[in-house]
């Protein structure tokens, strides 16, 4: 039980700062309906981007020859190979977010330009 309480306190202390700053910023902004809709629009597309990143990682990491190429002949991940895999995961995540952002920008420009 002691470990669970310690984990909960650690979680709260780690995330409390950004959560409090976010709430204060939201209060001082005094957002109207348009700002809230824009925020929800951004949150929705961020959720879509995270989902697409997860799908891309699932599709990419299920390919067996990739693991065989990274593991080499000894069938073990070295630190260098593990770092390479982390780089691939990070680049997939970043590229999906950039592409979703460009798509949203393109749709916005197409919709609202005269």
PDB file of N, CA and C in Angstrom:
ATOM      1  N   UNK A   1       0.829  -1.199   0.000  1.00  0.00           N
ATOM      2  CA  UNK A   1       0.000   0.000   0.000  1.00  0.00           C
ATOM      3  C   UNK A   1       0.867   1.253   0.000  1.00  0.00           C
ATOM      4  N   UNK A   2       1.971   1.195   0.691  1.00  0.00           N
ATOM      5  CA  UNK A   2       2.865   2.335   0.783  1.00  0.00           C
ATOM      6  C   UNK A   2       3.420   2.714  -0.591  1.00  0.00           C
ATOM      7  N   UNK A   3       3.723   1.699  -1.395  1.00  0.00           N
ATOM      8  CA  UNK A   3       4.281   1.937  -2.731  1.00  0.00           C
ATOM      9  C   UNK A   3       3.245   2.593  -3.648  1.00  0.00           C
ATOM     10  N   UNK A   4       1.977   2.202  -3.518  1.00  0.00           N
ATOM     11  CA  UNK A   4       0.918   2.792  -4.335  1.00  0.00           C
ATOM     12  C   UNK A   4       0.721   4.264  -4.006  1.00  0.00           C
ATOM     13  N   UNK A   5       0.767   4.598  -2.734  1.00  0.00           N
ATOM     14  CA  UNK A   5       0.623   5.998  -2.317  1.00  0.00           C
ATOM     15  C   UNK A   5       1.800   6.813  -2.824  1.00  0.00           C
ATOM     16  N   UNK A   6       2.988   6.252  -2.717  1.00  0.00           N
ATOM     17  CA  UNK A   6       4.176   6.945  -3.208  1.00  0.00           C
ATOM     18  C   UNK A   6       4.102   7.167  -4.720  1.00  0.00           C
ATOM     19  N   UNK A   7       3.613   6.167  -5.460  1.00  0.00           N
ATOM     20  CA  UNK A   7       3.457   6.294  -6.907  1.00  0.00           C
ATOM     21  C   UNK A   7       2.422   7.367  -7.247  1.00  0.00           C
ATOM     22  N   UNK A   8       1.318   7.413  -6.514  1.00  0.00           N
ATOM     23  CA  UNK A   8       0.276   8.416  -6.754  1.00  0.00           C
ATOM     24  C   UNK A   8       0.796   9.819  -6.465  1.00  0.00           C
ATOM     25  N   UNK A   9       1.528   9.987  -5.378  1.00  0.00           N
ATOM     26  CA  UNK A   9       2.092  11.298  -5.038  1.00  0.00           C
ATOM     27  C   UNK A   9       3.108  11.720  -6.089  1.00  0.00           C
ATOM     28  N   UNK A  10       3.907  10.778  -6.564  1.00  0.00           N
ATOM     29  CA  UNK A  10       4.880  11.077  -7.615  1.00  0.00           C
ATOM     30  C   UNK A  10       4.176  11.516  -8.899  1.00  0.00           C
ATOM     31  N   UNK A  11       3.097  10.831  -9.255  1.00  0.00           N
ATOM     32  CA  UNK A  11       2.330  11.192 -10.452  1.00  0.00           C
ATOM     33  C   UNK A  11       1.746  12.593 -10.335  1.00  0.00           C
ATOM     34  N   UNK A  12       1.137  12.889  -9.201  1.00  0.00           N
ATOM     35  CA  UNK A  12       0.521  14.207  -8.996  1.00  0.00           C
ATOM     36  C   UNK A  12       1.576  15.304  -9.013  1.00  0.00           C
ATOM     37  N   UNK A  13       2.693  15.084  -8.336  1.00  0.00           N
ATOM     38  CA  UNK A  13       3.727  16.125  -8.297  1.00  0.00           C
ATOM     39  C   UNK A  13       4.374  16.329  -9.665  1.00  0.00           C
ATOM     40  N   UNK A  14       4.442  15.294 -10.466  1.00  0.00           N
ATOM     41  CA  UNK A  14       5.045  15.409 -11.788  1.00  0.00           C
ATOM     42  C   UNK A  14       4.137  16.174 -12.759  1.00  0.00           C
ATOM     43  N   UNK A  15       2.837  15.987 -12.639  1.00  0.00           N
ATOM     44  CA  UNK A  15       1.916  16.586 -13.598  1.00  0.00           C
ATOM     45  C   UNK A  15       1.158  17.795 -13.065  1.00  0.00           C
ATOM     46  N   UNK A  16       1.338  18.143 -11.811  1.00  0.00           N
ATOM     47  CA  UNK A  16       0.577  19.241 -11.222  1.00  0.00           C
ATOM     48  C   UNK A  16       0.972  20.592 -11.803  1.00  0.00           C
ATOM     49  N   UNK A  17       2.238  20.792 -12.069  1.00  0.00           N
ATOM     50  CA  UNK A  17       2.701  22.107 -12.528  1.00  0.00           C
ATOM     51  C   UNK A  17       2.077  22.483 -13.863  1.00  0.00           C
ATOM     52  N   UNK A  18       2.176  21.591 -14.857  1.00  0.00           N
ATOM     53  CA  UNK A  18       1.624  21.947 -16.164  1.00  0.00           C
ATOM     54  C   UNK A  18       0.103  22.005 -16.118  1.00  0.00           C
ATOM     55  N   UNK A  19      -0.517  21.184 -15.273  1.00  0.00           N
ATOM     56  CA  UNK A  19      -1.974  21.211 -15.177  1.00  0.00           C
ATOM     57  C   UNK A  19      -2.455  22.522 -14.553  1.00  0.00           C
ATOM     58  N   UNK A  20      -1.807  22.984 -13.502  1.00  0.00           N
ATOM     59  CA  UNK A  20      -2.179  24.242 -12.846  1.00  0.00           C
ATOM     60  C   UNK A  20      -1.925  25.426 -13.781  1.00  0.00           C
ATOM     61  N   UNK A  21      -0.779  25.419 -14.475  1.00  0.00           N
ATOM     62  CA  UNK A  21      -0.487  26.495 -15.432  1.00  0.00           C
ATOM     63  C   UNK A  21      -1.524  26.518 -16.547  1.00  0.00           C
ATOM     64  N   UNK A  22      -1.914  25.350 -17.020  1.00  0.00           N
ATOM     65  CA  UNK A  22      -2.947  25.274 -18.063  1.00  0.00           C
ATOM     66  C   UNK A  22      -4.286  25.809 -17.593  1.00  0.00           C
ATOM     67  N   UNK A  23      -4.669  25.479 -16.377  1.00  0.00           N
ATOM     68  CA  UNK A  23      -5.949  25.978 -15.848  1.00  0.00           C
ATOM     69  C   UNK A  23      -5.892  27.493 -15.652  1.00  0.00           C
ATOM     70  N   UNK A  24      -4.784  28.005 -15.113  1.00  0.00           N
ATOM     71  CA  UNK A  24      -4.649  29.456 -14.940  1.00  0.00           C
ATOM     72  C   UNK A  24      -4.668  30.185 -16.286  1.00  0.00           C
ATOM     73  N   UNK A  25      -3.989  29.637 -17.274  1.00  0.00           N
ATOM     74  CA  UNK A  25      -3.997  30.259 -18.598  1.00  0.00           C
ATOM     75  C   UNK A  25      -5.402  30.247 -19.178  1.00  0.00           C
ATOM     76  N   UNK A  26      -6.130  29.157 -18.985  1.00  0.00           N
ATOM     77  CA  UNK A  26      -7.495  29.061 -19.492  1.00  0.00           C
ATOM     78  C   UNK A  26      -8.403  30.092 -18.815  1.00  0.00           C
ATOM     79  N   UNK A  27      -8.209  30.284 -17.512  1.00  0.00           N
ATOM     80  CA  UNK A  27      -9.038  31.252 -16.778  1.00  0.00           C
ATOM     81  C   UNK A  27      -8.729  32.679 -17.224  1.00  0.00           C
ATOM     82  N   UNK A  28      -7.440  33.000 -17.360  1.00  0.00           N
ATOM     83  CA  UNK A  28      -7.069  34.359 -17.744  1.00  0.00           C
ATOM     84  C   UNK A  28      -7.362  34.671 -19.209  1.00  0.00           C
ATOM     85  N   UNK A  29      -7.457  33.654 -20.055  1.00  0.00           N
ATOM     86  CA  UNK A  29      -7.789  33.888 -21.461  1.00  0.00           C
ATOM     87  C   UNK A  29      -9.245  34.324 -21.629  1.00  0.00           C
ATOM     88  N   UNK A  30     -10.102  33.896 -20.723  1.00  0.00           N
ATOM     89  CA  UNK A  30     -11.541  34.132 -20.823  1.00  0.00           C
ATOM     90  C   UNK A  30     -12.051  33.736 -22.207  1.00  0.00           C
ATOM     91  N   UNK A  31     -11.938  32.451 -22.531  1.00  0.00           N
ATOM     92  CA  UNK A  31     -12.280  32.036 -23.887  1.00  0.00           C
ATOM     93  C   UNK A  31     -13.770  32.084 -24.164  1.00  0.00           C
ATOM     94  N   UNK A  32     -14.081  32.392 -25.399  1.00  0.00           N
ATOM     95  CA  UNK A  32     -15.457  32.329 -25.863  1.00  0.00           C
ATOM     96  C   UNK A  32     -15.695  30.987 -26.539  1.00  0.00           C
ATOM     97  N   UNK A  33     -16.838  30.874 -27.169  1.00  0.00           N
ATOM     98  CA  UNK A  33     -17.201  29.626 -27.842  1.00  0.00           C
ATOM     99  C   UNK A  33     -16.214  29.305 -28.967  1.00  0.00           C
ATOM    100  N   UNK A  34     -15.800  30.308 -29.742  1.00  0.00           N
ATOM    101  CA  UNK A  34     -14.904  30.063 -30.873  1.00  0.00           C
ATOM    102  C   UNK A  34     -13.556  29.526 -30.400  1.00  0.00           C
ATOM    103  N   UNK A  35     -13.028  30.058 -29.300  1.00  0.00           N
ATOM    104  CA  UNK A  35     -11.749  29.586 -28.791  1.00  0.00           C
ATOM    105  C   UNK A  35     -11.850  28.161 -28.267  1.00  0.00           C
ATOM    106  N   UNK A  36     -12.954  27.863 -27.584  1.00  0.00           N
ATOM    107  CA  UNK A  36     -13.142  26.509 -27.069  1.00  0.00           C
ATOM    108  C   UNK A  36     -13.285  25.520 -28.218  1.00  0.00           C
ATOM    109  N   UNK A  37     -14.027  25.899 -29.264  1.00  0.00           N
ATOM    110  CA  UNK A  37     -14.147  25.024 -30.425  1.00  0.00           C
ATOM    111  C   UNK A  37     -12.794  24.813 -31.096  1.00  0.00           C
ATOM    112  N   UNK A  38     -11.980  25.844 -31.183  1.00  0.00           N
ATOM    113  CA  UNK A  38     -10.653  25.715 -31.771  1.00  0.00           C
ATOM    114  C   UNK A  38      -9.790  24.778 -30.930  1.00  0.00           C
ATOM    115  N   UNK A  39      -9.854  24.931 -29.612  1.00  0.00           N
ATOM    116  CA  UNK A  39      -9.099  24.049 -28.732  1.00  0.00           C
ATOM    117  C   UNK A  39      -9.536  22.601 -28.900  1.00  0.00           C
ATOM    118  N   UNK A  40     -10.838  22.362 -28.953  1.00  0.00           N
ATOM    119  CA  UNK A  40     -11.337  20.999 -29.142  1.00  0.00           C
ATOM    120  C   UNK A  40     -10.945  20.453 -30.508  1.00  0.00           C
ATOM    121  N   UNK A  41     -10.925  21.317 -31.522  1.00  0.00           N
ATOM    122  CA  UNK A  41     -10.491  20.928 -32.861  1.00  0.00           C
ATOM    123  C   UNK A  41      -9.030  20.476 -32.827  1.00  0.00           C
ATOM    124  N   UNK A  42      -8.183  21.240 -32.150  1.00  0.00           N
ATOM    125  CA  UNK A  42      -6.769  20.887 -32.026  1.00  0.00           C
ATOM    126  C   UNK A  42      -6.614  19.586 -31.237  1.00  0.00           C
ATOM    127  N   UNK A  43      -7.348  19.436 -30.146  1.00  0.00           N
ATOM    128  CA  UNK A  43      -7.259  18.224 -29.329  1.00  0.00           C
ATOM    129  C   UNK A  43      -7.708  17.000 -30.114  1.00  0.00           C
ATOM    130  N   UNK A  44      -8.757  17.170 -30.934  1.00  0.00           N
ATOM    131  CA  UNK A  44      -9.230  16.057 -31.755  1.00  0.00           C
ATOM    132  C   UNK A  44      -8.166  15.611 -32.747  1.00  0.00           C
ATOM    133  N   UNK A  45      -7.555  16.569 -33.436  1.00  0.00           N
ATOM    134  CA  UNK A  45      -6.553  16.191 -34.420  1.00  0.00           C
ATOM    135  C   UNK A  45      -5.273  15.676 -33.770  1.00  0.00           C
ATOM    136  N   UNK A  46      -4.983  16.103 -32.567  1.00  0.00           N
ATOM    137  CA  UNK A  46      -3.846  15.526 -31.843  1.00  0.00           C
ATOM    138  C   UNK A  46      -4.141  14.065 -31.500  1.00  0.00           C
ATOM    139  N   UNK A  47      -5.372  13.785 -31.102  1.00  0.00           N
ATOM    140  CA  UNK A  47      -5.759  12.394 -30.821  1.00  0.00           C
ATOM    141  C   UNK A  47      -5.678  11.551 -32.095  1.00  0.00           C
ATOM    142  N   UNK A  48      -6.092  12.121 -33.218  1.00  0.00           N
ATOM    143  CA  UNK A  48      -5.977  11.414 -34.498  1.00  0.00           C
ATOM    144  C   UNK A  48      -4.515  11.146 -34.821  1.00  0.00           C
ATOM    145  N   UNK A  49      -3.651  12.136 -34.606  1.00  0.00           N
ATOM    146  CA  UNK A  49      -2.222  11.967 -34.897  1.00  0.00           C
ATOM    147  C   UNK A  49      -1.613  10.894 -34.004  1.00  0.00           C
ATOM    148  N   UNK A  50      -1.974  10.862 -32.732  1.00  0.00           N
ATOM    149  CA  UNK A  50      -1.447   9.835 -31.825  1.00  0.00           C
ATOM    150  C   UNK A  50      -1.941   8.460 -32.254  1.00  0.00           C
ATOM    151  N   UNK A  51      -3.210   8.378 -32.650  1.00  0.00           N
ATOM    152  CA  UNK A  51      -3.739   7.107 -33.140  1.00  0.00           C
ATOM    153  C   UNK A  51      -3.041   6.643 -34.405  1.00  0.00           C
ATOM    154  N   UNK A  52      -2.795   7.547 -35.327  1.00  0.00           N
ATOM    155  CA  UNK A  52      -2.082   7.190 -36.553  1.00  0.00           C
ATOM    156  C   UNK A  52      -0.633   6.798 -36.260  1.00  0.00           C
ATOM    157  N   UNK A  53      -0.003   7.465 -35.298  1.00  0.00           N
ATOM    158  CA  UNK A  53       1.354   7.083 -34.906  1.00  0.00           C
ATOM    159  C   UNK A  53       1.373   5.668 -34.343  1.00  0.00           C
ATOM    160  N   UNK A  54       0.405   5.363 -33.510  1.00  0.00           N
ATOM    161  CA  UNK A  54       0.323   4.013 -32.945  1.00  0.00           C
ATOM    162  C   UNK A  54       0.090   2.978 -34.036  1.00  0.00           C
ATOM    163  N   UNK A  55      -0.771   3.304 -34.986  1.00  0.00           N
ATOM    164  CA  UNK A  55      -1.030   2.398 -36.096  1.00  0.00           C
ATOM    165  C   UNK A  55       0.218   2.200 -36.954  1.00  0.00           C
ATOM    166  N   UNK A  56       0.940   3.284 -37.210  1.00  0.00           N
ATOM    167  CA  UNK A  56       2.163   3.185 -38.006  1.00  0.00           C
ATOM    168  C   UNK A  56       3.219   2.358 -37.277  1.00  0.00           C
ATOM    169  N   UNK A  57       3.356   2.560 -35.970  1.00  0.00           N
ATOM    170  CA  UNK A  57       4.327   1.768 -35.212  1.00  0.00           C
ATOM    171  C   UNK A  57       3.932   0.302 -35.163  1.00  0.00           C
ATOM    172  N   UNK A  58       2.634   0.035 -35.039  1.00  0.00           N
ATOM    173  CA  UNK A  58       2.160  -1.350 -35.027  1.00  0.00           C
ATOM    174  C   UNK A  58       2.461  -2.007 -36.368  1.00  0.00           C
ATOM    175  N   UNK A  59       2.165  -1.303 -37.445  1.00  0.00           N
ATOM    176  CA  UNK A  59       2.417  -1.864 -38.775  1.00  0.00           C
ATOM    177  C   UNK A  59       3.909  -2.016 -39.032  1.00  0.00           C
ATOM    178  N   UNK A  60       4.684  -1.059 -38.587  1.00  0.00           N
ATOM    179  CA  UNK A  60       6.121  -1.101 -38.857  1.00  0.00           C
ATOM    180  C   UNK A  60       6.830  -2.161 -38.030  1.00  0.00           C
ATOM    181  N   UNK A  61       6.493  -2.258 -36.746  1.00  0.00           N
ATOM    182  CA  UNK A  61       7.222  -3.177 -35.881  1.00  0.00           C
ATOM    183  C   UNK A  61       6.761  -4.625 -36.039  1.00  0.00           C
ATOM    184  N   UNK A  62       5.673  -4.874 -36.733  1.00  0.00           N
ATOM    185  CA  UNK A  62       5.226  -6.243 -36.954  1.00  0.00           C
ATOM    186  C   UNK A  62       5.934  -6.903 -38.132  1.00  0.00           C
ATOM    187  N   UNK A  63       6.711  -6.133 -38.877  1.00  0.00           N
ATOM    188  CA  UNK A  63       7.435  -6.703 -40.003  1.00  0.00           C
ATOM    189  C   UNK A  63       8.634  -7.462 -39.452  1.00  0.00           C
ATOM    190  N   UNK A  64       8.683  -8.750 -39.688  1.00  0.00           N
ATOM    191  CA  UNK A  64       9.714  -9.590 -39.069  1.00  0.00           C
ATOM    192  C   UNK A  64      11.112  -9.290 -39.589  1.00  0.00           C
ATOM    193  N   UNK A  65      11.245  -8.950 -40.867  1.00  0.00           N
ATOM    194  CA  UNK A  65      12.587  -8.746 -41.391  1.00  0.00           C
ATOM    195  C   UNK A  65      13.254  -7.528 -40.778  1.00  0.00           C
ATOM    196  N   UNK A  66      12.487  -6.577 -40.275  1.00  0.00           N
ATOM    197  CA  UNK A  66      13.074  -5.413 -39.619  1.00  0.00           C
ATOM    198  C   UNK A  66      13.800  -5.834 -38.346  1.00  0.00           C
ATOM    199  N   UNK A  67      13.154  -6.668 -37.547  1.00  0.00           N
ATOM    200  CA  UNK A  67      13.795  -7.138 -36.321  1.00  0.00           C
ATOM    201  C   UNK A  67      15.011  -7.998 -36.650  1.00  0.00           C
ATOM    202  N   UNK A  68      14.889  -8.802 -37.682  1.00  0.00           N
ATOM    203  CA  UNK A  68      16.024  -9.642 -38.063  1.00  0.00           C
ATOM    204  C   UNK A  68      17.203  -8.786 -38.512  1.00  0.00           C
ATOM    205  N   UNK A  69      16.903  -7.715 -39.239  1.00  0.00           N
ATOM    206  CA  UNK A  69      17.978  -6.837 -39.679  1.00  0.00           C
ATOM    207  C   UNK A  69      18.623  -6.118 -38.500  1.00  0.00           C
ATOM    208  N   UNK A  70      17.809  -5.705 -37.525  1.00  0.00           N
ATOM    209  CA  UNK A  70      18.356  -4.981 -36.385  1.00  0.00           C
ATOM    210  C   UNK A  70      19.093  -5.904 -35.410  1.00  0.00           C
ATOM    211  N   UNK A  71      18.580  -7.106 -35.221  1.00  0.00           N
ATOM    212  CA  UNK A  71      19.204  -8.016 -34.258  1.00  0.00           C
ATOM    213  C   UNK A  71      20.533  -8.551 -34.767  1.00  0.00           C
ATOM    214  N   UNK A  72      20.624  -8.739 -36.042  1.00  0.00           N
ATOM    215  CA  UNK A  72      21.861  -9.290 -36.584  1.00  0.00           C
ATOM    216  C   UNK A  72      21.890 -10.803 -36.467  1.00  0.00           C
ATOM    217  N   UNK A  73      23.077 -11.364 -36.556  1.00  0.00           N
ATOM    218  CA  UNK A  73      23.222 -12.818 -36.552  1.00  0.00           C
ATOM    219  C   UNK A  73      23.062 -13.433 -35.159  1.00  0.00           C
ATOM    220  N   UNK A  74      23.299 -12.655 -34.109  1.00  0.00           N
ATOM    221  CA  UNK A  74      23.263 -13.208 -32.757  1.00  0.00           C
ATOM    222  C   UNK A  74      21.877 -13.194 -32.123  1.00  0.00           C
ATOM    223  N   UNK A  75      20.861 -12.641 -32.809  1.00  0.00           N
ATOM    224  CA  UNK A  75      19.476 -12.571 -32.294  1.00  0.00           C
ATOM    225  C   UNK A  75      19.360 -11.842 -30.960  1.00  0.00           C
ATOM    226  N   UNK A  76      20.226 -10.879 -30.696  1.00  0.00           N
ATOM    227  CA  UNK A  76      20.162 -10.076 -29.477  1.00  0.00           C
ATOM    228  C   UNK A  76      20.281  -8.607 -29.857  1.00  0.00           C
ATOM    229  N   UNK A  77      19.557  -7.785 -29.122  1.00  0.00           N
ATOM    230  CA  UNK A  77      19.642  -6.340 -29.328  1.00  0.00           C
ATOM    231  C   UNK A  77      20.834  -5.794 -28.543  1.00  0.00           C
ATOM    232  N   UNK A  78      21.730  -5.140 -29.194  1.00  0.00           N
ATOM    233  CA  UNK A  78      22.789  -4.436 -28.479  1.00  0.00           C
ATOM    234  C   UNK A  78      22.276  -3.040 -28.131  1.00  0.00           C
ATOM    235  N   UNK A  79      23.029  -2.289 -27.362  1.00  0.00           N
ATOM    236  CA  UNK A  79      22.619  -0.931 -27.015  1.00  0.00           C
ATOM    237  C   UNK A  79      22.514  -0.061 -28.262  1.00  0.00           C
ATOM    238  N   UNK A  80      23.414  -0.264 -29.191  1.00  0.00           N
ATOM    239  CA  UNK A  80      23.400   0.517 -30.428  1.00  0.00           C
ATOM    240  C   UNK A  80      22.155   0.195 -31.253  1.00  0.00           C
ATOM    241  N   UNK A  81      21.795  -1.080 -31.336  1.00  0.00           N
ATOM    242  CA  UNK A  81      20.603  -1.483 -32.091  1.00  0.00           C
ATOM    243  C   UNK A  81      19.332  -0.983 -31.407  1.00  0.00           C
ATOM    244  N   UNK A  82      19.317  -1.022 -30.070  1.00  0.00           N
ATOM    245  CA  UNK A  82      18.158  -0.533 -29.323  1.00  0.00           C
ATOM    246  C   UNK A  82      17.982   0.974 -29.538  1.00  0.00           C
ATOM    247  N   UNK A  83      19.093   1.715 -29.539  1.00  0.00           N
ATOM    248  CA  UNK A  83      19.029   3.156 -29.795  1.00  0.00           C
ATOM    249  C   UNK A  83      18.505   3.423 -31.200  1.00  0.00           C
ATOM    250  N   UNK A  84      18.891   2.607 -32.168  1.00  0.00           N
ATOM    251  CA  UNK A  84      18.375   2.746 -33.523  1.00  0.00           C
ATOM    252  C   UNK A  84      16.874   2.537 -33.587  1.00  0.00           C
ATOM    253  N   UNK A  85      16.371   1.569 -32.829  1.00  0.00           N
ATOM    254  CA  UNK A  85      14.934   1.320 -32.798  1.00  0.00           C
ATOM    255  C   UNK A  85      14.206   2.502 -32.159  1.00  0.00           C
ATOM    256  N   UNK A  86      14.775   3.076 -31.098  1.00  0.00           N
ATOM    257  CA  UNK A  86      14.153   4.249 -30.479  1.00  0.00           C
ATOM    258  C   UNK A  86      14.139   5.427 -31.451  1.00  0.00           C
ATOM    259  N   UNK A  87      15.188   5.582 -32.231  1.00  0.00           N
ATOM    260  CA  UNK A  87      15.222   6.656 -33.229  1.00  0.00           C
ATOM    261  C   UNK A  87      14.133   6.467 -34.271  1.00  0.00           C
ATOM    262  N   UNK A  88      13.917   5.235 -34.702  1.00  0.00           N
ATOM    263  CA  UNK A  88      12.865   4.962 -35.685  1.00  0.00           C
ATOM    264  C   UNK A  88      11.498   5.296 -35.105  1.00  0.00           C
ATOM    265  N   UNK A  89      11.246   4.871 -33.877  1.00  0.00           N
ATOM    266  CA  UNK A  89       9.953   5.142 -33.243  1.00  0.00           C
ATOM    267  C   UNK A  89       9.728   6.642 -33.106  1.00  0.00           C
ATOM    268  N   UNK A  90      10.749   7.378 -32.681  1.00  0.00           N
ATOM    269  CA  UNK A  90      10.624   8.824 -32.534  1.00  0.00           C
ATOM    270  C   UNK A  90      10.382   9.519 -33.861  1.00  0.00           C
ATOM    271  N   UNK A  91      11.063   9.069 -34.907  1.00  0.00           N
ATOM    272  CA  UNK A  91      10.887   9.698 -36.219  1.00  0.00           C
ATOM    273  C   UNK A  91       9.527   9.385 -36.819  1.00  0.00           C
ATOM    274  N   UNK A  92       9.005   8.185 -36.578  1.00  0.00           N
ATOM    275  CA  UNK A  92       7.651   7.860 -37.037  1.00  0.00           C
ATOM    276  C   UNK A  92       6.643   8.764 -36.335  1.00  0.00           C
ATOM    277  N   UNK A  93       6.771   8.910 -35.024  1.00  0.00           N
ATOM    278  CA  UNK A  93       5.859   9.753 -34.248  1.00  0.00           C
ATOM    279  C   UNK A  93       5.913  11.208 -34.736  1.00  0.00           C
ATOM    280  N   UNK A  94       7.115  11.732 -34.923  1.00  0.00           N
ATOM    281  CA  UNK A  94       7.280  13.112 -35.379  1.00  0.00           C
ATOM    282  C   UNK A  94       6.740  13.306 -36.790  1.00  0.00           C
ATOM    283  N   UNK A  95       7.030  12.385 -37.690  1.00  0.00           N
ATOM    284  CA  UNK A  95       6.591  12.557 -39.076  1.00  0.00           C
ATOM    285  C   UNK A  95       5.076  12.474 -39.199  1.00  0.00           C
ATOM    286  N   UNK A  96       4.433  11.600 -38.433  1.00  0.00           N
ATOM    287  CA  UNK A  96       2.968  11.535 -38.485  1.00  0.00           C
ATOM    288  C   UNK A  96       2.365  12.839 -37.986  1.00  0.00           C
ATOM    289  N   UNK A  97       2.920  13.414 -36.924  1.00  0.00           N
ATOM    290  CA  UNK A  97       2.394  14.675 -36.419  1.00  0.00           C
ATOM    291  C   UNK A  97       2.596  15.813 -37.418  1.00  0.00           C
ATOM    292  N   UNK A  98       3.733  15.849 -38.074  1.00  0.00           N
ATOM    293  CA  UNK A  98       3.975  16.887 -39.082  1.00  0.00           C
ATOM    294  C   UNK A  98       2.995  16.735 -40.233  1.00  0.00           C
ATOM    295  N   UNK A  99       2.778  15.510 -40.690  1.00  0.00           N
ATOM    296  CA  UNK A  99       1.846  15.290 -41.800  1.00  0.00           C
ATOM    297  C   UNK A  99       0.412  15.651 -41.421  1.00  0.00           C
ATOM    298  N   UNK A 100      -0.021  15.283 -40.223  1.00  0.00           N
ATOM    299  CA  UNK A 100      -1.379  15.644 -39.785  1.00  0.00           C
ATOM    300  C   UNK A 100      -1.500  17.163 -39.674  1.00  0.00           C
ATOM    301  N   UNK A 101      -0.475  17.826 -39.170  1.00  0.00           N
ATOM    302  CA  UNK A 101      -0.499  19.289 -39.092  1.00  0.00           C
ATOM    303  C   UNK A 101      -0.586  19.926 -40.464  1.00  0.00           C
ATOM    304  N   UNK A 102       0.150  19.406 -41.425  1.00  0.00           N
ATOM    305  CA  UNK A 102       0.087  19.951 -42.784  1.00  0.00           C
ATOM    306  C   UNK A 102      -1.272  19.697 -43.428  1.00  0.00           C
ATOM    307  N   UNK A 103      -1.867  18.557 -43.158  1.00  0.00           N
ATOM    308  CA  UNK A 103      -3.205  18.276 -43.692  1.00  0.00           C
ATOM    309  C   UNK A 103      -4.226  19.229 -43.093  1.00  0.00           C
ATOM    310  N   UNK A 104      -4.156  19.448 -41.780  1.00  0.00           N
ATOM    311  CA  UNK A 104      -5.086  20.383 -41.132  1.00  0.00           C
ATOM    312  C   UNK A 104      -4.892  21.790 -41.692  1.00  0.00           C
ATOM    313  N   UNK A 105      -3.650  22.205 -41.871  1.00  0.00           N
ATOM    314  CA  UNK A 105      -3.381  23.520 -42.440  1.00  0.00           C
ATOM    315  C   UNK A 105      -3.933  23.623 -43.858  1.00  0.00           C
ATOM    316  N   UNK A 106      -3.729  22.607 -44.659  1.00  0.00           N
ATOM    317  CA  UNK A 106      -4.251  22.610 -46.027  1.00  0.00           C
ATOM    318  C   UNK A 106      -5.762  22.679 -46.076  1.00  0.00           C
ATOM    319  N   UNK A 107      -6.423  21.911 -45.223  1.00  0.00           N
ATOM    320  CA  UNK A 107      -7.886  21.946 -45.182  1.00  0.00           C
ATOM    321  C   UNK A 107      -8.377  23.298 -44.707  1.00  0.00           C
ATOM    322  N   UNK A 108      -7.701  23.865 -43.714  1.00  0.00           N
ATOM    323  CA  UNK A 108      -8.079  25.191 -43.208  1.00  0.00           C
ATOM    324  C   UNK A 108      -7.935  26.245 -44.288  1.00  0.00           C
ATOM    325  N   UNK A 109      -6.835  26.223 -45.015  1.00  0.00           N
ATOM    326  CA  UNK A 109      -6.623  27.201 -46.081  1.00  0.00           C
ATOM    327  C   UNK A 109      -7.654  27.013 -47.191  1.00  0.00           C
ATOM    328  N   UNK A 110      -7.928  25.781 -47.539  1.00  0.00           N
ATOM    329  CA  UNK A 110      -8.912  25.509 -48.608  1.00  0.00           C
ATOM    330  C   UNK A 110     -10.316  25.921 -48.184  1.00  0.00           C
ATOM    331  N   UNK A 111     -10.656  25.745 -46.929  1.00  0.00           N
ATOM    332  CA  UNK A 111     -11.999  26.063 -46.454  1.00  0.00           C
ATOM    333  C   UNK A 111     -12.229  27.565 -46.313  1.00  0.00           C
ATOM    334  N   UNK A 112     -11.261  28.266 -45.771  1.00  0.00           N
ATOM    335  CA  UNK A 112     -11.503  29.639 -45.367  1.00  0.00           C
ATOM    336  C   UNK A 112     -10.847  30.697 -46.245  1.00  0.00           C
ATOM    337  N   UNK A 113     -10.178  30.284 -47.311  1.00  0.00           N
ATOM    338  CA  UNK A 113      -9.625  31.297 -48.224  1.00  0.00           C
ATOM    339  C   UNK A 113     -10.696  31.679 -49.243  1.00  0.00           C
ATOM    340  N   UNK A 114     -10.656  32.904 -49.652  1.00  0.00           N
ATOM    341  CA  UNK A 114     -11.674  33.374 -50.594  1.00  0.00           C
ATOM    342  C   UNK A 114     -11.166  33.325 -51.995  1.00  0.00           C
TER     343      UNK A 114
END
